[in-house]
Amino acid sequence: MSTEQTLITQSPATIQTSEVLIPTATIIYHPNLERIGEEAPLLELKQHQSQDISRLTPDFSQPSTDKSCNIADPYISRKPLTLSLVNGGLRIEKSAELTGKVSVNDRLLITELFIVGEEWRNGVIISMNNRVVLFLHFSPQQRDLSLNKHGLLGESSAICKVRRTIERVADLQVPVLIRGETGTGKELVAQALHNSSPRKHRKFVSVNVGAIPDTLAISEIFGAKKGAFTGASKDRAGYFQQADNSTLFLDEIGDANEQVQVALLRTLETGEVTPVGSTGSIHVDVRLVAATDANLEKKILDERFRSPLLQRLAGFEIRIPPLRSRRDDIGRLFIYFLTIEINNVGDEKHLANTSHHVSFWASVFEKACLYNWPGNIRQLKNIAQQLAIYNRDAEQLTIPDHILELFSLQPKQNVSAPETAQTANTPDPLTEDTQHESTPASPRRKPSTVTEQELLDALEAQRWDLKGTAERLNISRAALYKIIDNNPSVRTASDFSLEELNSAYQKSDGDIDVMVDKLKVSKAALKRRLKDLSLN
């Protein structure tokens, strides 16, 4: 297998697709703000040749246009950075004549850096002279661009697929289940489904199921007759009746209580609702769209969600990618929100194309691209708003301390020069057994402060041992279970089907330790699961 094939095969995007991916550079920040989001296929790198990046090469263009141009900023050196593929990794070399500061993944580039493994597959951020920020990543050779943006910002392959998926199902009657992390824009997708459907001229009804008190949920969703309970002074139409001949969006469906789940399953099967206190049913013509960030399969195993209801809700399923998996969109999204927020505070001069502000914004965009955004687009929008307000009418722009602290909480990826690559294997003292011999001296952390990246790093460091992971994060095991339950990117042993486990068992020759590394799950839980399925 060639070096390029190895890299492409290992790219996260190929886990669920057989697309041909090519190395690509995307402009995350440029002094000419209109150029943010432009892309350049790194064709020489694709062909196993050295690829230069400088003021003069390569040419960049927006995905939807043919107009192209090199970086063209006069403060970027004509002398190149040179990229090359070496033993499955990426080598970045700095020409001796190159002027200006260059950093790679927030590390100063002196002569050369060698980037391997997960860091290369996750993408590389290059800042050139504090003026231009590039993101090197893998992108499909053919992108399924849609003329209708559906209100969804971005041009990454991940968001383009979501748009195309909306178009495929929007005009159908089937219920749709939207799944994605908090802040990814699930309600925007639901609204897009409605706006692209024959029901678009009717009112779109949106309900957050998790925000309705359990005692009121049935009457709020399905309606109530006068006198059905204390305070029911008149007949009340539920959300299903309000959405008759239209679309009903039930957000946070994973938080629905047992009573609501039973009633909802009946409505999906019969097309009828029975208001509280009524002896008869009412027919409704409702296109149901539901959304959740919960692991419903895990809830089913824990008997907290009904399997038949999941099957009914997911007549068709749309998965929204987290922001960290579409980092080539971060520049586009950030400049969009910043422009709105800066205009809102009446201080447009802070986005002006002047040397006084370019280095500041280049630094901000670089940090934004390095960050993993556990709160996704909602969090990014919030940071843009805070930056705009904090720097309102300021002569010297600054990043607020709490935002700097937030960005610094994320562990930096290791970038090693070839001569020091062996230091990456140095044991982390926090993984030693001595770290687990006693209760931490400091008070336990709030589970809400644990970022997804911290969780993943801790699980991997402890080889998915939950007791060790909880102690490393300084949270209770109960809190850890809840965090994992609410994190769809973490799979537990119970999440794997019989076919997946049987395949992994055969490929590992029954070696449990090999299976743990392959499936990334707790060894104890995996052994119990295999025993339950009579595989071990």
Protein backbone atom coordinates (compact mmCIF):
# COMPACT_ATOMS: atom_id res chain seq x y z
CA MET A 1 0.00 0.00 0.00
CA SER A 2 1.36 3.43 -0.94
CA THR A 3 2.01 6.20 1.58
CA GLU A 4 -0.92 8.20 0.28
CA GLN A 5 -3.23 5.19 0.43
CA THR A 6 -2.13 4.52 3.99
CA LEU A 7 -2.87 8.07 5.04
CA ILE A 8 -6.22 8.13 3.32
CA THR A 9 -7.21 4.74 4.70
CA GLN A 10 -6.42 5.94 8.21
CA SER A 11 -8.33 9.19 7.85
CA PRO A 12 -11.37 9.32 10.20
CA ALA A 13 -13.63 10.24 7.31
CA THR A 14 -13.08 6.85 5.70
CA ILE A 15 -14.47 4.90 8.64
CA GLN A 16 -17.98 5.25 7.24
CA THR A 17 -17.27 5.97 3.58
CA SER A 18 -15.18 4.73 0.68
CA GLU A 19 -14.67 8.22 -0.76
CA VAL A 20 -11.32 9.10 -2.26
CA LEU A 21 -9.78 11.74 0.00
CA ILE A 22 -6.99 14.11 -0.94
CA PRO A 23 -4.80 16.41 1.18
CA THR A 24 -6.29 19.92 1.17
CA ALA A 25 -5.38 23.32 2.62
CA THR A 26 -8.24 25.58 3.77
CA ILE A 27 -7.81 29.25 4.69
CA ILE A 28 -9.03 29.70 8.26
CA TYR A 29 -7.97 33.35 8.45
CA HIS A 30 -6.70 35.88 5.89
CA PRO A 31 -6.37 39.69 6.16
CA ASN A 32 -8.79 39.84 3.22
CA LEU A 33 -11.78 38.45 5.08
CA GLU A 34 -13.56 37.43 1.87
CA ARG A 35 -10.88 34.80 1.33
CA ILE A 36 -11.66 32.91 4.53
CA GLY A 37 -12.84 29.42 3.60
CA GLU A 38 -10.97 29.19 0.29
CA GLU A 39 -9.40 25.80 -0.39
CA ALA A 40 -6.48 24.40 -2.35
CA PRO A 41 -6.01 20.72 -3.21
CA LEU A 42 -2.41 19.79 -2.47
CA LEU A 43 -1.93 17.96 -5.74
CA GLU A 44 1.83 17.50 -5.49
CA LEU A 45 1.45 15.93 -2.06
CA LYS A 46 -1.27 13.67 -3.43
CA GLN A 47 1.16 12.49 -6.10
CA HIS A 48 3.87 11.74 -3.49
CA GLN A 49 5.89 14.80 -4.40
CA SER A 50 6.99 17.74 -2.26
CA GLN A 51 4.36 20.45 -1.92
CA ASP A 52 5.37 24.09 -1.41
CA ILE A 53 3.23 26.60 0.48
CA SER A 54 4.17 30.25 0.20
CA ARG A 55 2.76 33.60 -0.87
CA LEU A 56 2.86 32.34 -4.47
CA THR A 57 1.63 28.76 -4.27
CA PRO A 58 -0.76 26.97 -4.27
CA ASP A 59 -3.88 28.64 -5.69
CA PHE A 60 -6.97 28.79 -3.46
CA SER A 61 -10.65 29.13 -4.40
CA GLN A 62 -14.07 28.91 -2.77
CA PRO A 63 -15.64 25.45 -3.25
CA SER A 64 -18.52 26.83 -5.31
CA THR A 65 -16.42 28.97 -7.71
CA ASP A 66 -13.68 28.54 -10.29
CA LYS A 67 -11.95 31.83 -9.48
CA SER A 68 -8.59 31.14 -7.83
CA CYS A 69 -5.67 33.08 -6.38
CA ASN A 70 -2.53 32.40 -4.37
CA ILE A 71 -2.20 33.68 -0.79
CA ALA A 72 -1.01 37.01 -2.21
CA ASP A 73 -0.46 38.70 1.16
CA PRO A 74 2.71 40.87 0.82
CA TYR A 75 3.79 40.04 4.39
CA ILE A 76 3.95 36.31 3.68
CA SER A 77 7.33 35.13 2.41
CA ARG A 78 7.89 34.08 -1.17
CA LYS A 79 10.19 31.37 0.19
CA PRO A 80 8.22 28.22 0.86
CA LEU A 81 7.29 25.81 3.54
CA THR A 82 7.80 22.37 2.03
CA LEU A 83 5.48 19.48 2.82
CA SER A 84 6.35 15.87 2.11
CA LEU A 85 5.06 12.43 3.08
CA VAL A 86 7.53 10.31 5.00
CA ASN A 87 6.74 6.86 6.42
CA GLY A 88 3.04 7.58 6.78
CA GLY A 89 3.61 10.99 8.38
CA LEU A 90 3.89 14.58 7.27
CA ARG A 91 7.19 16.45 7.29
CA ILE A 92 7.03 20.27 7.28
CA GLU A 93 10.32 21.99 6.44
CA LYS A 94 11.06 25.69 6.63
CA SER A 95 13.29 27.23 3.99
CA ALA A 96 16.37 28.93 5.44
CA GLU A 97 15.44 32.09 3.53
CA LEU A 98 11.84 32.13 4.75
CA THR A 99 11.11 35.28 6.74
CA GLY A 100 8.47 35.62 9.41
CA LYS A 101 7.20 33.37 12.20
CA VAL A 102 5.60 30.03 11.36
CA SER A 103 3.83 27.86 13.91
CA VAL A 104 2.40 24.36 13.47
CA ASN A 105 -0.35 23.24 15.83
CA ASP A 106 0.67 26.07 18.16
CA ARG A 107 4.37 25.03 18.13
CA LEU A 108 7.05 27.30 16.69
CA LEU A 109 8.62 25.87 13.53
CA ILE A 110 12.40 26.35 13.61
CA THR A 111 13.63 24.10 10.81
CA GLU A 112 11.32 21.10 10.45
CA LEU A 113 8.61 19.13 12.22
CA PHE A 114 7.45 15.59 11.67
CA ILE A 115 3.76 14.94 12.30
CA VAL A 116 2.46 11.39 12.59
CA GLY A 117 -0.51 9.28 13.57
CA GLU A 118 -3.67 10.76 14.99
CA GLU A 119 -2.38 14.30 14.83
CA TRP A 120 -1.86 14.11 11.07
CA ARG A 121 -5.20 12.40 10.55
CA ASN A 122 -6.99 15.05 12.62
CA GLY A 123 -5.55 17.90 10.57
CA VAL A 124 -2.74 20.41 11.01
CA ILE A 125 -3.04 24.16 11.71
CA ILE A 126 -0.30 26.36 10.23
CA SER A 127 -0.03 30.04 11.17
CA MET A 128 2.12 32.11 8.81
CA ASN A 129 3.61 35.32 10.23
CA ASN A 130 0.53 35.91 12.42
CA ARG A 131 -1.42 36.87 9.30
CA VAL A 132 -2.64 33.79 7.46
CA VAL A 133 -3.90 30.62 9.15
CA LEU A 134 -4.24 27.41 7.14
CA PHE A 135 -5.80 24.08 8.04
CA LEU A 136 -4.31 21.00 6.34
CA HIS A 137 -6.78 18.12 6.21
CA PHE A 138 -8.29 15.43 4.02
CA SER A 139 -11.20 16.33 1.77
CA PRO A 140 -13.27 14.26 -0.71
CA GLN A 141 -12.12 14.53 -4.28
CA GLN A 142 -15.75 14.99 -5.31
CA ARG A 143 -17.99 17.12 -3.08
CA ASP A 144 -21.77 16.88 -3.17
CA LEU A 145 -22.47 20.62 -3.22
CA SER A 146 -26.06 21.80 -2.84
CA LEU A 147 -27.44 25.04 -4.19
CA ASN A 148 -29.94 25.18 -1.33
CA LYS A 149 -28.03 25.91 1.88
CA HIS A 150 -31.07 25.23 4.10
CA GLY A 151 -29.82 27.82 6.57
CA LEU A 152 -26.82 25.63 7.40
CA LEU A 153 -23.51 27.49 7.20
CA GLY A 154 -20.33 25.90 5.89
CA GLU A 155 -18.91 24.10 2.87
CA SER A 156 -17.21 21.12 4.50
CA SER A 157 -18.03 17.72 3.06
CA ALA A 158 -19.76 16.80 6.34
CA ILE A 159 -22.27 19.67 6.20
CA CYS A 160 -22.78 19.23 2.44
CA LYS A 161 -23.89 15.66 3.12
CA VAL A 162 -26.39 16.88 5.71
CA ARG A 163 -27.88 19.30 3.17
CA ARG A 164 -28.21 16.56 0.55
CA THR A 165 -29.79 14.27 3.12
CA ILE A 166 -32.38 16.95 3.96
CA GLU A 167 -33.28 17.19 0.27
CA ARG A 168 -33.73 13.42 -0.01
CA VAL A 169 -36.26 13.14 2.80
CA ALA A 170 -37.88 16.58 3.17
CA ASP A 171 -40.92 15.93 0.95
CA LEU A 172 -41.71 12.53 2.46
CA GLN A 173 -44.10 11.78 5.31
CA VAL A 174 -41.74 9.50 7.24
CA PRO A 175 -40.74 10.57 10.75
CA VAL A 176 -37.15 11.74 11.08
CA LEU A 177 -34.79 11.36 14.03
CA ILE A 178 -31.99 13.94 14.16
CA ARG A 179 -28.98 12.94 16.25
CA GLY A 180 -26.00 15.04 17.22
CA GLU A 181 -24.17 16.61 20.12
CA THR A 182 -25.45 19.64 21.95
CA GLY A 183 -25.09 22.84 19.97
CA THR A 184 -24.70 21.24 16.53
CA GLY A 185 -27.89 22.77 15.11
CA LYS A 186 -30.49 20.01 15.35
CA GLU A 187 -33.42 22.46 15.39
CA LEU A 188 -32.01 24.20 12.29
CA VAL A 189 -32.10 20.88 10.47
CA ALA A 190 -35.67 20.25 11.66
CA GLN A 191 -36.69 23.71 10.43
CA ALA A 192 -34.98 23.02 7.10
CA LEU A 193 -36.94 19.76 6.73
CA HIS A 194 -40.16 21.69 7.31
CA ASN A 195 -39.26 24.57 4.99
CA SER A 196 -38.41 22.15 2.20
CA SER A 197 -41.60 20.10 2.59
CA PRO A 198 -45.14 20.55 1.21
CA ARG A 199 -46.11 21.67 4.75
CA LYS A 200 -43.88 24.73 4.68
CA HIS A 201 -46.80 27.20 4.58
CA ARG A 202 -48.12 25.89 7.91
CA LYS A 203 -46.76 26.78 11.36
CA PHE A 204 -43.68 24.85 12.46
CA VAL A 205 -44.26 23.70 16.06
CA SER A 206 -41.14 23.21 18.17
CA VAL A 207 -41.15 21.65 21.65
CA ASN A 208 -38.31 20.90 24.07
CA VAL A 209 -39.51 17.71 25.73
CA GLY A 210 -36.83 17.90 28.40
CA ALA A 211 -38.11 21.31 29.55
CA ILE A 212 -41.67 20.12 30.26
CA PRO A 213 -42.32 18.97 33.86
CA ASP A 214 -43.20 15.26 33.99
CA THR A 215 -46.58 16.01 35.55
CA LEU A 216 -47.58 18.22 32.62
CA ALA A 217 -45.92 16.41 29.72
CA ILE A 218 -48.87 14.27 28.63
CA SER A 219 -51.38 17.14 28.67
CA GLU A 220 -48.94 19.55 26.99
CA ILE A 221 -48.09 17.18 24.15
CA PHE A 222 -51.39 15.35 23.64
CA GLY A 223 -53.93 17.85 24.99
CA ALA A 224 -56.46 17.78 27.84
CA LYS A 225 -60.20 18.02 28.30
CA LYS A 226 -61.86 20.52 30.60
CA GLY A 227 -61.89 19.21 34.18
CA ALA A 228 -59.33 16.48 33.48
CA PHE A 229 -57.22 17.77 36.38
CA THR A 230 -57.05 20.69 38.76
CA GLY A 231 -56.63 23.88 36.77
CA ALA A 232 -58.00 22.45 33.51
CA SER A 233 -60.74 25.07 33.15
CA LYS A 234 -61.20 24.50 29.40
CA ASP A 235 -60.27 22.12 26.64
CA ARG A 236 -56.62 22.44 25.70
CA ALA A 237 -55.13 21.49 22.36
CA GLY A 238 -51.82 19.66 22.71
CA TYR A 239 -48.80 20.17 20.51
CA PHE A 240 -49.91 17.41 18.14
CA GLN A 241 -53.22 19.18 17.51
CA GLN A 242 -51.43 22.52 17.11
CA ALA A 243 -49.19 20.93 14.47
CA ASP A 244 -52.05 19.29 12.53
CA ASN A 245 -51.22 19.36 8.79
CA SER A 246 -47.76 20.67 9.68
CA THR A 247 -44.49 19.58 11.33
CA LEU A 248 -43.97 18.88 15.03
CA PHE A 249 -40.40 19.00 16.30
CA LEU A 250 -39.77 17.20 19.60
CA ASP A 251 -36.33 18.15 20.85
CA GLU A 252 -34.53 16.20 23.61
CA ILE A 253 -36.75 13.18 22.94
CA GLY A 254 -34.37 11.05 24.98
CA ASP A 255 -35.65 12.82 28.12
CA ALA A 256 -39.29 11.78 27.54
CA ASN A 257 -40.75 9.93 30.52
CA GLU A 258 -42.31 6.47 30.31
CA GLN A 259 -45.88 7.77 30.05
CA VAL A 260 -45.02 10.07 27.15
CA GLN A 261 -43.11 7.29 25.38
CA VAL A 262 -46.11 4.94 25.54
CA ALA A 263 -48.54 7.59 24.28
CA LEU A 264 -46.13 8.72 21.57
CA LEU A 265 -45.67 5.17 20.30
CA ARG A 266 -49.44 4.77 20.01
CA THR A 267 -49.79 8.06 18.13
CA LEU A 268 -47.06 7.09 15.68
CA GLU A 269 -48.78 3.75 15.07
CA THR A 270 -52.37 5.03 14.74
CA GLY A 271 -52.09 8.71 13.76
CA GLU A 272 -54.39 9.56 16.67
CA VAL A 273 -54.01 11.37 20.00
CA THR A 274 -56.10 10.92 23.10
CA PRO A 275 -56.29 14.09 25.24
CA VAL A 276 -56.09 13.64 28.99
CA GLY A 277 -59.61 13.12 30.35
CA SER A 278 -61.06 12.20 26.96
CA THR A 279 -62.76 8.90 26.09
CA GLY A 280 -62.22 9.37 22.39
CA SER A 281 -59.29 9.87 20.04
CA ILE A 282 -58.56 12.66 17.58
CA HIS A 283 -56.95 12.01 14.20
CA VAL A 284 -53.98 14.27 13.41
CA ASP A 285 -51.90 14.63 10.26
CA VAL A 286 -48.49 15.50 11.66
CA ARG A 287 -45.02 15.05 10.23
CA LEU A 288 -42.93 14.24 13.31
CA VAL A 289 -39.29 15.22 13.61
CA ALA A 290 -37.47 14.34 16.84
CA ALA A 291 -33.94 15.09 18.03
CA THR A 292 -31.60 13.96 20.76
CA ASP A 293 -28.00 14.13 21.90
CA ALA A 294 -28.49 11.07 24.11
CA ASN A 295 -27.32 7.52 23.44
CA LEU A 296 -30.77 5.98 22.96
CA GLU A 297 -29.38 2.48 22.43
CA LYS A 298 -27.74 2.66 25.86
CA LYS A 299 -30.98 3.95 27.36
CA ILE A 300 -32.80 0.98 25.83
CA LEU A 301 -30.36 -1.45 27.43
CA ASP A 302 -30.86 0.36 30.74
CA GLU A 303 -34.64 0.12 30.21
CA ARG A 304 -35.04 3.89 30.14
CA PHE A 305 -36.21 4.12 26.54
CA ARG A 306 -38.51 1.88 24.55
CA SER A 307 -36.96 0.08 21.61
CA PRO A 308 -40.19 0.10 19.49
CA LEU A 309 -40.38 3.87 19.93
CA LEU A 310 -36.84 4.33 18.61
CA GLN A 311 -37.71 2.22 15.58
CA ARG A 312 -40.82 4.34 14.95
CA LEU A 313 -39.05 7.67 15.45
CA ALA A 314 -36.18 6.71 13.17
CA GLY A 315 -38.18 6.20 9.99
CA PHE A 316 -35.16 8.07 8.67
CA GLU A 317 -32.13 9.22 10.64
CA ILE A 318 -29.93 12.28 10.14
CA ARG A 319 -26.63 12.52 12.00
CA ILE A 320 -25.18 16.01 12.43
CA PRO A 321 -21.38 16.09 12.68
CA PRO A 322 -19.72 17.82 15.65
CA LEU A 323 -17.76 20.98 14.89
CA ARG A 324 -14.43 19.29 15.62
CA SER A 325 -14.99 16.96 12.65
CA ARG A 326 -15.57 19.89 10.28
CA ARG A 327 -12.78 22.22 11.36
CA ASP A 328 -12.35 23.44 7.79
CA ASP A 329 -15.64 25.30 8.41
CA ILE A 330 -14.47 27.05 11.59
CA GLY A 331 -13.07 30.08 9.76
CA ARG A 332 -16.29 30.50 7.74
CA LEU A 333 -18.51 30.14 10.80
CA PHE A 334 -16.39 32.32 13.08
CA ILE A 335 -16.16 35.25 10.67
CA TYR A 336 -19.92 35.05 10.05
CA PHE A 337 -20.79 35.25 13.74
CA LEU A 338 -18.10 37.84 14.49
CA THR A 339 -19.38 40.11 11.73
CA ILE A 340 -22.91 39.94 13.13
CA GLU A 341 -21.86 40.49 16.74
CA ILE A 342 -19.41 43.31 15.99
CA ASN A 343 -22.07 45.06 13.93
CA ASN A 344 -24.55 44.57 16.79
CA VAL A 345 -22.30 46.51 19.17
CA GLY A 346 -21.69 49.20 16.55
CA ASP A 347 -17.94 48.73 16.30
CA GLU A 348 -17.28 47.61 12.71
CA LYS A 349 -13.75 49.07 12.73
CA HIS A 350 -12.48 46.03 14.63
CA LEU A 351 -12.95 43.86 11.54
CA ALA A 352 -11.21 46.37 9.31
CA ASN A 353 -8.37 45.08 7.16
CA THR A 354 -5.54 46.90 8.93
CA SER A 355 -2.19 45.65 10.19
CA HIS A 356 -3.15 46.86 13.67
CA HIS A 357 -5.80 44.15 14.01
CA VAL A 358 -4.68 41.39 11.64
CA SER A 359 -2.24 39.70 14.02
CA PHE A 360 -4.83 39.72 16.81
CA TRP A 361 -7.55 38.11 14.72
CA ALA A 362 -5.09 35.64 13.18
CA SER A 363 -4.21 34.51 16.71
CA VAL A 364 -7.89 34.23 17.69
CA PHE A 365 -8.76 32.17 14.61
CA GLU A 366 -5.74 29.93 15.15
CA LYS A 367 -6.83 29.22 18.72
CA ALA A 368 -10.38 28.64 17.54
CA CYS A 369 -9.22 26.05 15.03
CA LEU A 370 -7.09 24.29 17.67
CA TYR A 371 -9.98 24.08 20.12
CA ASN A 372 -12.34 21.08 20.07
CA TRP A 373 -15.60 23.00 20.82
CA PRO A 374 -17.49 20.65 23.14
CA GLY A 375 -20.44 23.06 22.87
CA ASN A 376 -20.12 23.07 19.07
CA ILE A 377 -21.59 25.91 16.98
CA ARG A 378 -23.64 27.32 19.86
CA GLN A 379 -20.44 27.71 21.88
CA LEU A 380 -18.56 29.25 18.95
CA LYS A 381 -21.34 31.82 18.47
CA ASN A 382 -21.21 32.63 22.19
CA ILE A 383 -17.44 33.17 22.08
CA ALA A 384 -17.85 35.49 19.07
CA GLN A 385 -20.42 37.52 20.99
CA GLN A 386 -18.20 37.79 24.06
CA LEU A 387 -15.20 38.89 22.00
CA ALA A 388 -17.26 41.59 20.29
CA ILE A 389 -18.64 42.98 23.55
CA TYR A 390 -15.38 42.74 25.48
CA ASN A 391 -13.46 44.68 22.81
CA ARG A 392 -16.15 47.25 22.16
CA ASP A 393 -14.50 50.66 21.58
CA ALA A 394 -11.15 49.26 22.80
CA GLU A 395 -7.99 50.66 21.26
CA GLN A 396 -6.00 47.51 22.01
CA LEU A 397 -7.86 44.30 21.26
CA THR A 398 -7.49 41.45 23.74
CA ILE A 399 -8.90 37.99 24.38
CA PRO A 400 -10.67 37.88 27.78
CA ASP A 401 -8.86 35.82 30.39
CA HIS A 402 -11.74 33.36 30.79
CA ILE A 403 -11.72 32.60 27.05
CA LEU A 404 -7.94 32.17 27.05
CA GLU A 405 -8.31 29.81 29.99
CA LEU A 406 -11.01 27.89 28.13
CA PHE A 407 -8.82 27.48 25.06
CA SER A 408 -5.85 26.42 27.20
CA LEU A 409 -7.84 23.66 28.97
CA GLN A 410 -7.58 21.52 25.86
CA PRO A 411 -4.47 19.31 25.84
CA LYS A 412 -2.10 20.24 23.04
CA GLN A 413 -1.26 17.55 20.50
CA ASN A 414 2.33 16.37 20.48
CA VAL A 415 4.37 17.67 17.55
CA SER A 416 7.81 16.11 17.42
CA ALA A 417 10.87 16.82 15.34
CA PRO A 418 12.39 13.60 13.95
CA GLU A 419 15.32 13.70 16.35
CA THR A 420 13.03 13.88 19.41
CA ALA A 421 10.18 11.66 18.23
CA GLN A 422 11.14 8.96 20.74
CA THR A 423 10.15 11.21 23.62
CA ALA A 424 6.51 10.76 22.63
CA ASN A 425 6.71 7.30 24.23
CA THR A 426 7.70 8.67 27.64
CA PRO A 427 5.18 7.33 30.22
CA ASP A 428 2.69 9.84 31.58
CA PRO A 429 3.17 9.91 35.37
CA LEU A 430 -0.58 10.34 35.78
CA THR A 431 -1.12 6.85 34.37
CA GLU A 432 0.98 5.15 37.04
CA ASP A 433 -0.80 2.96 39.60
CA THR A 434 0.30 5.27 42.41
CA GLN A 435 -2.21 7.80 41.15
CA HIS A 436 -5.06 5.50 42.19
CA GLU A 437 -3.99 4.48 45.68
CA SER A 438 -5.97 7.12 47.54
CA THR A 439 -8.87 9.50 47.21
CA PRO A 440 -7.87 12.80 45.58
CA ALA A 441 -7.08 15.50 48.08
CA SER A 442 -8.94 18.17 46.13
CA PRO A 443 -12.77 18.34 45.98
CA ARG A 444 -14.37 16.44 43.14
CA ARG A 445 -14.96 18.33 39.91
CA LYS A 446 -18.38 19.13 38.58
CA PRO A 447 -19.14 16.71 35.71
CA SER A 448 -20.22 19.66 33.56
CA THR A 449 -16.62 20.96 33.55
CA VAL A 450 -15.26 17.80 31.91
CA THR A 451 -14.82 18.42 28.17
CA GLU A 452 -15.28 15.68 25.63
CA GLN A 453 -11.59 15.77 24.74
CA GLU A 454 -10.62 15.37 28.42
CA LEU A 455 -12.95 12.39 28.65
CA LEU A 456 -11.52 10.72 25.56
CA ASP A 457 -7.92 11.39 26.63
CA ALA A 458 -8.55 9.99 30.12
CA LEU A 459 -10.30 6.87 28.80
CA GLU A 460 -7.44 6.18 26.41
CA ALA A 461 -4.78 6.82 29.05
CA GLN A 462 -6.50 4.34 31.39
CA ARG A 463 -7.20 1.83 28.59
CA TRP A 464 -10.91 2.37 29.16
CA ASP A 465 -10.82 1.31 32.78
CA LEU A 466 -13.72 3.30 34.24
CA LYS A 467 -12.50 3.34 37.84
CA GLY A 468 -9.12 4.73 36.80
CA THR A 469 -10.72 7.19 34.40
CA ALA A 470 -13.05 8.54 37.10
CA GLU A 471 -10.15 9.03 39.50
CA ARG A 472 -8.01 10.67 36.82
CA LEU A 473 -10.79 13.14 36.06
CA ASN A 474 -11.50 13.56 39.78
CA ILE A 475 -15.21 12.77 39.44
CA SER A 476 -17.37 9.99 40.85
CA ARG A 477 -17.93 6.82 38.84
CA ALA A 478 -21.67 7.61 38.76
CA ALA A 479 -20.87 10.98 37.20
CA LEU A 480 -18.56 9.30 34.68
CA TYR A 481 -21.32 6.86 33.66
CA LYS A 482 -23.66 9.80 33.10
CA ILE A 483 -21.10 11.70 31.02
CA ILE A 484 -20.47 8.62 28.87
CA ASP A 485 -24.21 8.07 28.54
CA ASN A 486 -24.66 11.60 27.20
CA ASN A 487 -21.67 11.39 24.86
CA PRO A 488 -22.54 9.68 21.55
CA SER A 489 -18.89 9.56 20.46
CA VAL A 490 -18.05 7.08 23.25
CA ARG A 491 -19.27 3.52 22.73
CA THR A 492 -19.58 1.02 25.54
CA ALA A 493 -19.43 -2.77 25.26
CA SER A 494 -23.23 -2.92 25.22
CA ASP A 495 -23.34 -0.61 22.18
CA PHE A 496 -21.71 -3.20 19.90
CA SER A 497 -23.91 -5.64 18.02
CA LEU A 498 -23.39 -9.39 18.07
CA GLU A 499 -22.00 -9.21 14.52
CA GLU A 500 -19.46 -6.51 15.43
CA LEU A 501 -18.29 -8.36 18.52
CA ASN A 502 -18.10 -11.69 16.72
CA SER A 503 -16.04 -10.10 13.92
CA ALA A 504 -13.67 -8.43 16.42
CA TYR A 505 -13.39 -11.71 18.36
CA GLN A 506 -12.43 -13.65 15.24
CA LYS A 507 -9.92 -11.03 14.03
CA SER A 508 -8.30 -10.91 17.49
CA ASP A 509 -8.17 -14.72 17.81
CA GLY A 510 -10.11 -14.39 21.05
CA ASP A 511 -7.47 -12.16 22.70
CA ILE A 512 -9.47 -9.86 25.02
CA ASP A 513 -6.65 -7.33 25.35
CA VAL A 514 -6.43 -6.97 21.58
CA MET A 515 -10.21 -6.53 21.42
CA VAL A 516 -10.07 -3.82 24.10
CA ASP A 517 -7.57 -1.83 22.03
CA LYS A 518 -9.54 -2.38 18.86
CA LEU A 519 -13.02 -1.56 20.25
CA LYS A 520 -11.87 0.99 22.87
CA VAL A 521 -14.07 -0.31 25.69
CA SER A 522 -13.69 -1.42 29.29
CA LYS A 523 -12.08 -4.86 29.58
CA ALA A 524 -14.38 -5.91 32.42
CA ALA A 525 -17.51 -4.80 30.55
CA LEU A 526 -16.32 -6.49 27.35
CA LYS A 527 -15.74 -9.79 29.15
CA ARG A 528 -19.25 -9.64 30.66
CA ARG A 529 -20.75 -8.85 27.25
CA LEU A 530 -18.91 -11.70 25.56
CA LYS A 531 -20.01 -14.07 28.29
CA ASP A 532 -23.64 -12.98 27.94
CA LEU A 533 -23.44 -13.64 24.19
CA SER A 534 -21.66 -16.99 24.75
CA LEU A 535 -18.64 -15.79 22.76
CA ASN A 536 -16.20 -16.47 25.57
